[in-house]
């Protein structure tokens, strides 16, 4: 769809699973198209493939930001910046 900037925070759940959420920024027209996709992926500059889920309804179609849930090839807990 296009290039995106993002900020992701990771969390480790009690069974040891890594989950993440954050904010993603991209051109408003591209972001509007991304809502509703089931298998949306973000490929990072270092080659990780992350699963992105944009839940909820788009409140402002002119906005270039959204709050996704992130999964996929996330770093281990020890690799997250603190």
N, C-alpha and C. Protein backbone atom coordinates (compact mmCIF):
# COMPACT_ATOMS: atom_id res chain seq x y z
N UNK A 1 0.81 -1.20 0.00
CA UNK A 1 0.00 0.00 0.00
C UNK A 1 0.85 1.25 0.00
N UNK A 2 1.99 1.16 0.64
CA UNK A 2 2.85 2.34 0.72
C UNK A 2 3.69 2.32 1.97
N UNK A 3 4.57 3.27 2.05
CA UNK A 3 5.47 3.39 3.18
C UNK A 3 4.71 3.89 4.40
N UNK A 4 5.10 3.39 5.59
CA UNK A 4 4.47 3.80 6.84
C UNK A 4 5.55 4.04 7.89
N UNK A 5 5.28 4.97 8.75
CA UNK A 5 6.09 5.16 9.96
C UNK A 5 5.30 4.57 11.10
N UNK A 6 5.99 4.13 12.13
CA UNK A 6 5.27 3.48 13.23
C UNK A 6 6.04 3.61 14.52
N UNK A 7 5.32 3.47 15.61
CA UNK A 7 5.89 3.38 16.95
C UNK A 7 5.15 2.25 17.64
N UNK A 8 5.91 1.26 18.09
CA UNK A 8 5.31 0.05 18.65
C UNK A 8 5.85 -0.19 20.05
N UNK A 9 4.97 -0.55 20.95
CA UNK A 9 5.36 -0.96 22.30
C UNK A 9 5.04 -2.43 22.46
N UNK A 10 5.99 -3.20 22.98
CA UNK A 10 5.79 -4.63 23.16
C UNK A 10 5.55 -4.97 24.62
N UNK A 11 4.80 -6.02 24.81
CA UNK A 11 4.46 -6.49 26.15
C UNK A 11 4.59 -8.00 26.19
N UNK A 12 5.04 -8.51 27.32
CA UNK A 12 5.12 -9.96 27.49
C UNK A 12 4.00 -10.39 28.42
N UNK A 13 3.17 -11.32 27.94
CA UNK A 13 2.05 -11.82 28.74
C UNK A 13 2.55 -12.91 29.68
N UNK A 14 1.79 -13.24 30.74
CA UNK A 14 2.24 -14.26 31.69
C UNK A 14 2.68 -15.60 31.08
N UNK A 15 2.02 -16.08 30.00
CA UNK A 15 2.57 -17.33 29.46
C UNK A 15 3.82 -17.13 28.60
N UNK A 16 4.32 -15.87 28.52
CA UNK A 16 5.54 -15.62 27.76
C UNK A 16 5.33 -15.17 26.33
N UNK A 17 4.10 -14.96 25.91
CA UNK A 17 3.82 -14.50 24.56
C UNK A 17 4.12 -13.01 24.46
N UNK A 18 4.66 -12.59 23.32
CA UNK A 18 4.93 -11.18 23.07
C UNK A 18 3.77 -10.63 22.24
N UNK A 19 3.19 -9.54 22.71
CA UNK A 19 2.14 -8.84 21.98
C UNK A 19 2.55 -7.38 21.86
N UNK A 20 2.00 -6.66 20.91
CA UNK A 20 2.40 -5.27 20.71
C UNK A 20 1.22 -4.44 20.21
N UNK A 21 1.31 -3.17 20.48
CA UNK A 21 0.36 -2.20 19.94
C UNK A 21 1.11 -0.89 19.77
N UNK A 22 0.49 0.05 19.12
CA UNK A 22 1.18 1.31 18.92
C UNK A 22 0.43 2.22 18.00
N UNK A 23 1.19 2.99 17.24
CA UNK A 23 0.61 3.94 16.31
C UNK A 23 1.32 3.79 14.97
N UNK A 24 0.55 3.95 13.91
CA UNK A 24 1.09 3.86 12.56
C UNK A 24 0.66 5.12 11.81
N UNK A 25 1.59 5.66 11.01
CA UNK A 25 1.30 6.86 10.22
C UNK A 25 1.59 6.56 8.76
N UNK A 26 0.66 6.92 7.91
CA UNK A 26 0.87 6.82 6.47
C UNK A 26 -0.10 7.77 5.79
N UNK A 27 0.05 7.93 4.50
CA UNK A 27 -0.84 8.83 3.76
C UNK A 27 -2.30 8.47 4.06
N UNK A 28 -3.12 9.47 4.31
CA UNK A 28 -4.52 9.25 4.69
C UNK A 28 -5.25 8.36 3.68
N UNK A 29 -5.02 8.57 2.39
CA UNK A 29 -5.73 7.75 1.38
C UNK A 29 -5.32 6.28 1.48
N UNK A 30 -4.04 6.01 1.77
CA UNK A 30 -3.58 4.63 1.93
C UNK A 30 -4.10 4.03 3.22
N UNK A 31 -4.10 4.82 4.29
CA UNK A 31 -4.60 4.34 5.56
C UNK A 31 -6.09 4.01 5.48
N UNK A 32 -6.85 4.81 4.76
CA UNK A 32 -8.27 4.52 4.57
C UNK A 32 -8.48 3.17 3.90
N UNK A 33 -7.63 2.84 2.95
CA UNK A 33 -7.74 1.55 2.25
C UNK A 33 -7.35 0.38 3.15
N UNK A 34 -6.48 0.62 4.13
CA UNK A 34 -5.98 -0.45 4.99
C UNK A 34 -7.04 -0.94 5.98
N UNK A 35 -7.96 -0.08 6.37
CA UNK A 35 -9.01 -0.49 7.31
C UNK A 35 -9.87 -1.57 6.68
N UNK A 36 -10.12 -2.62 7.46
CA UNK A 36 -10.96 -3.72 6.98
C UNK A 36 -10.18 -4.88 6.38
N UNK A 37 -8.90 -4.70 6.10
CA UNK A 37 -8.09 -5.80 5.56
C UNK A 37 -7.85 -6.83 6.65
N UNK A 38 -7.88 -8.09 6.29
CA UNK A 38 -7.70 -9.17 7.26
C UNK A 38 -6.23 -9.55 7.40
N UNK A 39 -5.49 -9.64 6.33
CA UNK A 39 -4.10 -10.08 6.36
C UNK A 39 -3.14 -8.95 6.02
N UNK A 40 -3.26 -7.85 6.72
CA UNK A 40 -2.40 -6.70 6.47
C UNK A 40 -1.04 -6.93 7.12
N UNK A 41 0.02 -6.70 6.36
CA UNK A 41 1.38 -6.91 6.86
C UNK A 41 2.20 -5.64 6.71
N UNK A 42 3.12 -5.45 7.65
CA UNK A 42 4.08 -4.37 7.60
C UNK A 42 5.46 -5.00 7.59
N UNK A 43 6.25 -4.69 6.59
CA UNK A 43 7.62 -5.19 6.52
C UNK A 43 8.54 -4.07 7.01
N UNK A 44 9.29 -4.34 8.07
CA UNK A 44 10.17 -3.33 8.64
C UNK A 44 11.44 -3.21 7.80
N UNK A 45 12.17 -2.13 8.04
CA UNK A 45 13.43 -1.93 7.31
C UNK A 45 14.44 -3.02 7.58
N UNK A 46 14.34 -3.69 8.75
CA UNK A 46 15.28 -4.78 9.05
C UNK A 46 14.73 -6.15 8.62
N UNK A 47 13.63 -6.17 7.87
CA UNK A 47 13.12 -7.40 7.27
C UNK A 47 12.08 -8.18 8.08
N UNK A 48 11.70 -7.70 9.24
CA UNK A 48 10.64 -8.38 10.01
C UNK A 48 9.30 -8.18 9.31
N UNK A 49 8.49 -9.21 9.34
CA UNK A 49 7.13 -9.11 8.79
C UNK A 49 6.17 -9.14 9.96
N UNK A 50 5.47 -8.03 10.15
CA UNK A 50 4.54 -7.89 11.25
C UNK A 50 3.10 -7.94 10.74
N UNK A 51 2.25 -8.59 11.50
CA UNK A 51 0.83 -8.64 11.19
C UNK A 51 0.19 -7.42 11.83
N UNK A 52 -0.57 -6.67 11.07
CA UNK A 52 -1.19 -5.44 11.54
C UNK A 52 -2.70 -5.59 11.47
N UNK A 53 -3.37 -5.26 12.59
CA UNK A 53 -4.83 -5.28 12.60
C UNK A 53 -5.32 -3.91 13.00
N UNK A 54 -6.01 -3.26 12.07
CA UNK A 54 -6.60 -1.95 12.33
C UNK A 54 -8.06 -2.19 12.69
N UNK A 55 -8.34 -2.18 13.98
CA UNK A 55 -9.70 -2.46 14.42
C UNK A 55 -10.46 -1.16 14.62
N UNK A 56 -11.74 -1.28 14.72
CA UNK A 56 -12.58 -0.11 14.92
C UNK A 56 -12.91 0.59 13.62
N UNK A 57 -13.64 1.64 13.74
CA UNK A 57 -14.05 2.43 12.58
C UNK A 57 -13.12 3.62 12.41
N UNK A 58 -12.98 4.04 11.20
CA UNK A 58 -12.16 5.20 10.86
C UNK A 58 -12.94 6.44 11.28
N UNK A 59 -12.42 7.21 12.24
CA UNK A 59 -13.13 8.37 12.75
C UNK A 59 -12.99 9.59 11.85
N UNK A 60 -11.81 9.79 11.29
CA UNK A 60 -11.57 10.94 10.42
C UNK A 60 -10.78 10.48 9.20
N UNK A 61 -11.42 10.40 8.05
CA UNK A 61 -10.73 9.91 6.84
C UNK A 61 -9.59 10.81 6.38
N UNK A 62 -9.45 11.99 6.96
CA UNK A 62 -8.34 12.89 6.61
C UNK A 62 -7.12 12.64 7.47
N UNK A 63 -7.27 11.84 8.53
CA UNK A 63 -6.17 11.58 9.46
C UNK A 63 -5.15 10.63 8.85
N UNK A 64 -3.89 10.83 9.20
CA UNK A 64 -2.82 9.95 8.70
C UNK A 64 -2.31 9.00 9.78
N UNK A 65 -3.08 8.84 10.89
CA UNK A 65 -2.64 8.00 12.00
C UNK A 65 -3.72 7.01 12.40
N UNK A 66 -3.28 5.84 12.90
CA UNK A 66 -4.19 4.82 13.42
C UNK A 66 -3.48 4.06 14.53
N UNK A 67 -4.27 3.36 15.35
CA UNK A 67 -3.74 2.58 16.47
C UNK A 67 -3.97 1.09 16.21
N UNK A 68 -2.97 0.39 15.67
CA UNK A 68 -3.13 -1.02 15.35
C UNK A 68 -2.70 -1.95 16.48
N UNK A 69 -3.18 -3.18 16.42
CA UNK A 69 -2.63 -4.29 17.19
C UNK A 69 -1.61 -4.95 16.28
N UNK A 70 -0.48 -5.35 16.84
CA UNK A 70 0.63 -5.88 16.05
C UNK A 70 0.97 -7.29 16.51
N UNK A 71 1.22 -8.16 15.56
CA UNK A 71 1.66 -9.53 15.84
C UNK A 71 2.68 -9.93 14.80
N UNK A 72 2.99 -11.20 14.76
CA UNK A 72 3.94 -11.69 13.76
C UNK A 72 5.33 -11.85 14.31
N UNK A 73 6.32 -11.50 13.53
CA UNK A 73 7.73 -11.72 13.85
C UNK A 73 8.25 -10.61 14.77
N UNK A 74 7.72 -10.57 15.99
CA UNK A 74 8.13 -9.55 16.95
C UNK A 74 9.43 -9.97 17.63
N UNK A 75 10.26 -9.00 18.03
CA UNK A 75 11.48 -9.34 18.76
C UNK A 75 11.15 -9.97 20.11
N UNK A 76 12.09 -10.73 20.66
CA UNK A 76 11.91 -11.29 22.00
C UNK A 76 11.90 -10.15 23.02
N UNK A 77 11.40 -10.43 24.21
CA UNK A 77 11.29 -9.41 25.25
C UNK A 77 12.64 -8.75 25.55
N UNK A 78 13.71 -9.50 25.50
CA UNK A 78 15.03 -8.95 25.81
C UNK A 78 15.53 -7.96 24.74
N UNK A 79 14.94 -7.98 23.55
CA UNK A 79 15.37 -7.10 22.48
C UNK A 79 14.61 -5.77 22.43
N UNK A 80 13.58 -5.61 23.24
CA UNK A 80 12.82 -4.36 23.25
C UNK A 80 13.62 -3.31 23.99
N UNK A 81 13.58 -2.08 23.49
CA UNK A 81 14.21 -0.95 24.19
C UNK A 81 13.38 -0.63 25.42
N UNK A 82 14.04 -0.24 26.47
CA UNK A 82 13.34 0.09 27.72
C UNK A 82 13.45 1.55 28.01
